[in-house]
Each structure stands twice: as structure tokens, then as C-alpha cells.
């Protein structure tokens, strides 16, 4: 498991890092909020499973870091975030969770408790579920808003358009049979016409046309459709 520790206290940070590594966790250590964002942005090859985030940090506060990495357009970090802080008030806990954190542990703490929290957050994040957000490269879809986000722009689909687009996006660069789209999008309506699917595909193409440099919805004649992400 890959951990990013964000802690500006040198002695505490060194101690936590050493103890985590002794317990088998690969641990990087950032000393301030700005460095934390640099670590996260450069971690494409080994995305962090959990970030341990101090509240009071130089450069950027832990709250600012958390809000940034949870933002779909800026970080879209989908791993676990646990705040490490001396703050213990209810309002502080609420602020941490509202910023996108999964858990909150008050200093001082025992390493056994921290590891238990890490394991609990990791289990929750690894359970099978329908993601609200999917990302590939610079392209993101937000399932709660039926929205495509790309290159600083947004496309909002109708509910049915998004069902179709989501299937194509998740299976991008692969051909999806027309029959598969009928089965997945209209499972209870066997009488839906081919013309209806063609109409939705036309609307989707029209909406993503401004982003043709990144996306192309291609017809595979007599078979189905492929969404190419370039």
C-alpha cells in the first residue's frame, strides 16, 4: 500500500514515516501543502492509497490541500484521506469531513490506532461500487451530474444520453455492440427503436464536437460504436 504523509513537524513526521515503513507501508513524506500537491501530481505510476494530512501546514493548509485534490478538475484524488491534527472540536471534525476527508484522528495517537484507521479507510475505498467519478487522462465524467469535464470545459447530457456515453467511456477504445447498448440502457423496453438510439448518438456527437481533438465517437458499420480517447 502506498501512503503519502503530509506533516511539517520534522521529528513527528520522521517517527510516523519510520513506523509506517516498519509495518510494511511504502511511505512518501511531504513537509508542506505545496509539496504535498507536487507529490500527488507526480504519483501517476503509483497512485497513493491513503493520504495522511496534517491540518496546520506551511504554504497551504490541510483543508486547502484536501479540497484541491478532491476537486474533479484539479486533482480528482479518489483514495483515502485521514486528517492528523491537534484540533478536536466538533466543528473542526465537520470541516475536515466537508473538505473531502474520510477520517480524522487527534494527536497524540498510537501507531496501532493510525494503522487501524488506514486499514478501515482502505477497505471502504476498495469495496466494489458504482463510482460517481471516472477519469481517463484529462477526461472526467461525473455520474451524479450527468456531466463530462474536459480541457476546462463541461458538457451536460440528458439522463439517457449519459447512460450511453458512460458505457462508451468506461469501455473507451473498444467497440460496443448496438445490442449491448439496447440491453444496458433500456433493459425493460424491448420495443425501443434503432432510430431512437441513432438520435441519442447524434446528440452525443454534437455535444462533444468541440472536443474533437480529444474525443471521437466513431461508428463501426454494422456492429456498433467506439469512443476513442486520444
Protein backbone atom coordinates (compact mmCIF):
# COMPACT_ATOMS: atom_id res chain seq x y z
CA UNK A 1 0.00 0.00 0.00
CA UNK A 2 1.29 3.48 -0.91
CA UNK A 3 0.94 6.23 1.69
CA UNK A 4 1.62 9.96 1.45
CA UNK A 5 2.35 11.54 4.83
CA UNK A 6 1.97 15.33 4.93
CA UNK A 7 3.49 16.65 8.17
CA UNK A 8 5.64 19.73 8.83
CA UNK A 9 6.89 18.65 12.27
CA UNK A 10 10.26 17.06 11.45
CA UNK A 11 10.52 14.78 14.49
CA UNK A 12 6.89 13.64 14.34
CA UNK A 13 6.99 13.16 10.58
CA UNK A 14 10.18 11.11 10.73
CA UNK A 15 8.75 8.95 13.52
CA UNK A 16 5.44 8.27 11.72
CA UNK A 17 7.21 7.52 8.44
CA UNK A 18 9.61 5.05 10.08
CA UNK A 19 6.81 3.26 11.95
CA UNK A 20 4.64 3.01 8.83
CA UNK A 21 7.53 1.55 6.84
CA UNK A 22 8.27 -0.93 9.62
CA UNK A 23 4.66 -2.07 9.26
CA UNK A 24 5.06 -2.63 5.53
CA UNK A 25 3.69 0.61 4.06
CA UNK A 26 5.50 2.41 1.23
CA UNK A 27 5.56 5.96 2.59
CA UNK A 28 6.45 9.28 0.96
CA UNK A 29 6.74 12.35 3.17
CA UNK A 30 5.80 15.90 2.17
CA UNK A 31 6.71 18.73 4.55
CA UNK A 32 4.13 21.32 3.49
CA UNK A 33 0.92 21.73 1.49
CA UNK A 34 2.61 22.79 -1.74
CA UNK A 35 5.00 19.84 -1.67
CA UNK A 36 2.05 17.53 -0.99
CA UNK A 37 0.35 18.63 -4.21
CA UNK A 38 3.61 18.10 -6.11
CA UNK A 39 3.89 14.54 -4.77
CA UNK A 40 0.28 13.77 -5.71
CA UNK A 41 0.61 15.22 -9.20
CA UNK A 42 3.78 13.21 -9.85
CA UNK A 43 2.43 9.93 -8.48
CA UNK A 44 0.78 8.73 -11.69
CA UNK A 45 2.76 5.49 -11.68
CA UNK A 46 1.87 4.55 -8.09
CA UNK A 47 -1.24 6.40 -7.01
CA UNK A 48 -1.48 6.80 -3.27
CA UNK A 49 -3.98 4.59 -1.49
CA UNK A 50 -4.22 6.85 1.57
CA UNK A 51 -3.01 10.39 2.35
CA UNK A 52 -2.28 11.26 5.99
CA UNK A 53 -2.78 15.01 6.10
CA UNK A 54 -1.78 17.40 8.87
CA UNK A 55 -4.23 20.28 9.36
CA UNK A 56 -1.81 23.14 10.07
CA UNK A 57 0.74 23.28 7.26
CA UNK A 58 3.03 25.89 5.68
CA UNK A 59 2.18 27.13 2.17
CA UNK A 60 -1.30 25.57 2.07
CA UNK A 61 -3.42 24.32 4.95
CA UNK A 62 -4.56 20.70 5.10
CA UNK A 63 -8.12 21.83 4.37
CA UNK A 64 -6.97 23.66 1.22
CA UNK A 65 -4.95 20.63 0.09
CA UNK A 66 -7.89 18.28 0.66
CA UNK A 67 -10.34 20.49 -1.25
CA UNK A 68 -7.89 20.77 -4.15
CA UNK A 69 -7.15 17.06 -4.50
CA UNK A 70 -10.86 16.16 -4.25
CA UNK A 71 -11.80 18.68 -6.97
CA UNK A 72 -12.55 16.70 -10.17
CA UNK A 73 -10.82 19.28 -12.37
CA UNK A 74 -7.75 19.86 -10.19
CA UNK A 75 -6.88 16.59 -8.52
CA UNK A 76 -9.73 14.09 -8.56
CA UNK A 77 -7.96 12.01 -5.90
CA UNK A 78 -10.17 9.03 -5.09
CA UNK A 79 -8.10 7.33 -2.42
CA UNK A 80 -8.48 7.76 1.33
CA UNK A 81 -7.70 10.96 3.24
CA UNK A 82 -7.17 10.96 7.02
CA UNK A 83 -6.53 14.21 8.89
CA UNK A 84 -3.88 14.20 11.63
CA UNK A 85 -4.42 17.16 13.92
CA UNK A 86 -4.38 18.57 17.43
CA UNK A 87 -7.82 20.07 16.80
CA UNK A 88 -10.57 18.07 18.46
CA UNK A 89 -13.73 20.21 18.36
CA UNK A 90 -16.89 19.03 16.61
CA UNK A 91 -16.77 21.96 14.20
CA UNK A 92 -13.20 21.03 13.26
CA UNK A 93 -14.23 17.44 12.59
CA UNK A 94 -17.12 18.61 10.42
CA UNK A 95 -14.82 20.97 8.49
CA UNK A 96 -12.38 18.14 7.80
CA UNK A 97 -15.08 15.78 6.53
CA UNK A 98 -16.76 18.53 4.49
CA UNK A 99 -13.46 19.20 2.72
CA UNK A 100 -13.42 15.61 1.46
CA UNK A 101 -11.63 13.67 4.21
CA UNK A 102 -12.66 10.12 5.10
CA UNK A 103 -11.48 10.13 8.71
CA UNK A 104 -9.96 12.26 11.45
CA UNK A 105 -7.51 11.32 14.20
CA UNK A 106 -6.43 13.61 17.04
CA UNK A 107 -2.81 14.00 18.13
CA UNK A 108 -1.24 12.39 20.07
CA UNK A 109 -2.21 8.95 18.84
CA UNK A 110 -0.87 5.41 18.97
CA UNK A 111 0.56 3.98 15.75
CA UNK A 112 -1.74 0.95 16.18
CA UNK A 113 -4.77 3.22 16.06
CA UNK A 114 -3.45 5.02 12.98
CA UNK A 115 -2.83 1.74 11.16
CA UNK A 116 -6.33 0.55 12.08
CA UNK A 117 -7.77 3.75 10.61
CA UNK A 118 -5.69 3.33 7.44
CA UNK A 119 -6.92 -0.24 7.00
CA UNK A 120 -10.55 0.77 7.61
CA UNK A 121 -10.44 3.62 5.07
CA UNK A 122 -8.65 1.41 2.54
CA UNK A 123 -11.30 -1.32 2.88
CA UNK A 124 -14.11 1.18 2.32
CA UNK A 125 -12.40 2.60 -0.75
CA UNK A 126 -11.70 -0.83 -2.27
CA UNK A 127 -15.25 -2.19 -1.99
CA UNK A 128 -17.00 -2.68 -5.33
CA UNK A 129 -19.38 0.16 -6.02
CA UNK A 130 -20.60 2.34 -8.85
CA UNK A 131 -18.17 5.24 -8.93
CA UNK A 132 -19.54 8.75 -9.01
CA UNK A 133 -16.49 9.90 -10.95
CA UNK A 134 -14.45 8.18 -13.66
CA UNK A 135 -11.28 9.67 -15.11
CA UNK A 136 -9.02 8.82 -18.02
CA UNK A 137 -6.20 11.24 -18.75
CA UNK A 138 -7.68 14.74 -18.96
CA UNK A 139 -11.24 13.46 -19.39
CA UNK A 140 -13.62 13.04 -16.44
CA UNK A 141 -17.27 12.05 -16.18
CA UNK A 142 -19.37 12.88 -13.13
CA UNK A 143 -22.20 10.38 -12.74
CA UNK A 144 -24.12 12.40 -10.16
CA UNK A 145 -24.37 15.33 -12.57
CA UNK A 146 -24.52 13.52 -15.95
CA UNK A 147 -21.51 15.63 -16.89
CA UNK A 148 -18.36 15.38 -18.98
CA UNK A 149 -15.43 17.57 -17.93
CA UNK A 150 -12.54 18.10 -20.32
CA UNK A 151 -9.95 20.79 -21.03
CA UNK A 152 -11.62 23.24 -18.67
CA UNK A 153 -14.99 22.77 -20.38
CA UNK A 154 -18.14 20.90 -19.43
CA UNK A 155 -20.85 19.00 -21.28
CA UNK A 156 -24.13 18.16 -19.58
CA UNK A 157 -26.04 15.21 -21.03
CA UNK A 158 -29.63 14.15 -20.64
CA UNK A 159 -30.11 11.10 -18.41
CA UNK A 160 -30.34 8.67 -21.33
CA UNK A 161 -27.51 10.32 -23.27
CA UNK A 162 -25.30 9.95 -20.22
CA UNK A 163 -26.17 6.27 -19.78
CA UNK A 164 -24.97 5.67 -23.33
CA UNK A 165 -21.91 7.89 -23.01
CA UNK A 166 -20.89 6.31 -19.70
CA UNK A 167 -20.87 2.81 -21.21
CA UNK A 168 -18.79 4.02 -24.14
CA UNK A 169 -16.44 5.99 -21.86
CA UNK A 170 -15.75 3.16 -19.42
CA UNK A 171 -15.07 0.89 -22.41
CA UNK A 172 -13.27 3.54 -24.46
CA UNK A 173 -11.27 2.46 -27.49
CA UNK A 174 -13.32 -0.76 -27.65
CA UNK A 175 -16.28 -1.42 -29.91
CA UNK A 176 -19.61 -1.64 -28.10
CA UNK A 177 -22.32 -3.54 -29.93
CA UNK A 178 -25.61 -1.79 -30.61
CA UNK A 179 -27.33 -4.75 -28.96
CA UNK A 180 -25.30 -4.15 -25.80
CA UNK A 181 -26.42 -0.53 -25.64
CA UNK A 182 -30.06 -1.57 -26.02
CA UNK A 183 -29.70 -4.15 -23.23
CA UNK A 184 -27.90 -1.82 -20.80
CA UNK A 185 -29.74 1.44 -21.44
CA UNK A 186 -33.27 0.11 -21.97
CA UNK A 187 -33.36 -3.26 -20.13
CA UNK A 188 -37.13 -3.09 -19.61
CA UNK A 189 -38.08 -1.75 -23.02
CA UNK A 190 -37.56 -4.31 -25.73
CA UNK A 191 -39.50 -2.24 -28.24
CA UNK A 192 -37.11 0.71 -28.33
CA UNK A 193 -36.35 1.53 -31.97
CA UNK A 194 -32.99 1.75 -33.69
CA UNK A 195 -33.93 5.28 -34.71
CA UNK A 196 -34.09 6.28 -31.04
CA UNK A 197 -30.54 5.06 -30.40
CA UNK A 198 -29.35 6.83 -33.55
CA UNK A 199 -30.95 10.05 -32.30
CA UNK A 200 -29.18 9.84 -28.94
CA UNK A 201 -25.86 9.05 -30.62
CA UNK A 202 -26.34 12.10 -32.88
CA UNK A 203 -26.95 14.34 -29.87
CA UNK A 204 -23.90 12.98 -28.04
CA UNK A 205 -21.69 13.56 -31.08
CA UNK A 206 -22.99 17.11 -31.38
CA UNK A 207 -22.26 17.86 -27.73
CA UNK A 208 -18.70 16.51 -27.75
CA UNK A 209 -17.81 18.01 -31.15
CA UNK A 210 -15.95 20.99 -29.57
CA UNK A 211 -13.55 18.46 -28.04
CA UNK A 212 -12.84 16.51 -31.22
CA UNK A 213 -9.10 16.77 -30.59
CA UNK A 214 -9.56 14.53 -27.53
CA UNK A 215 -12.74 12.54 -28.19
CA UNK A 216 -14.25 10.85 -31.22
CA UNK A 217 -17.43 8.78 -31.22
CA UNK A 218 -16.92 6.50 -34.21
CA UNK A 219 -19.44 4.25 -35.97
CA UNK A 220 -18.28 0.71 -36.66
CA UNK A 221 -20.60 -0.03 -39.54
CA UNK A 222 -22.98 -2.90 -38.94
CA UNK A 223 -21.52 -3.55 -35.47
CA UNK A 224 -21.72 -0.68 -33.00
CA UNK A 225 -19.76 2.31 -31.71
CA UNK A 226 -16.34 3.15 -30.33
CA UNK A 227 -15.47 6.16 -28.19
CA UNK A 228 -11.85 7.00 -28.91
CA UNK A 229 -9.93 9.00 -26.31
CA UNK A 230 -6.77 10.42 -27.88
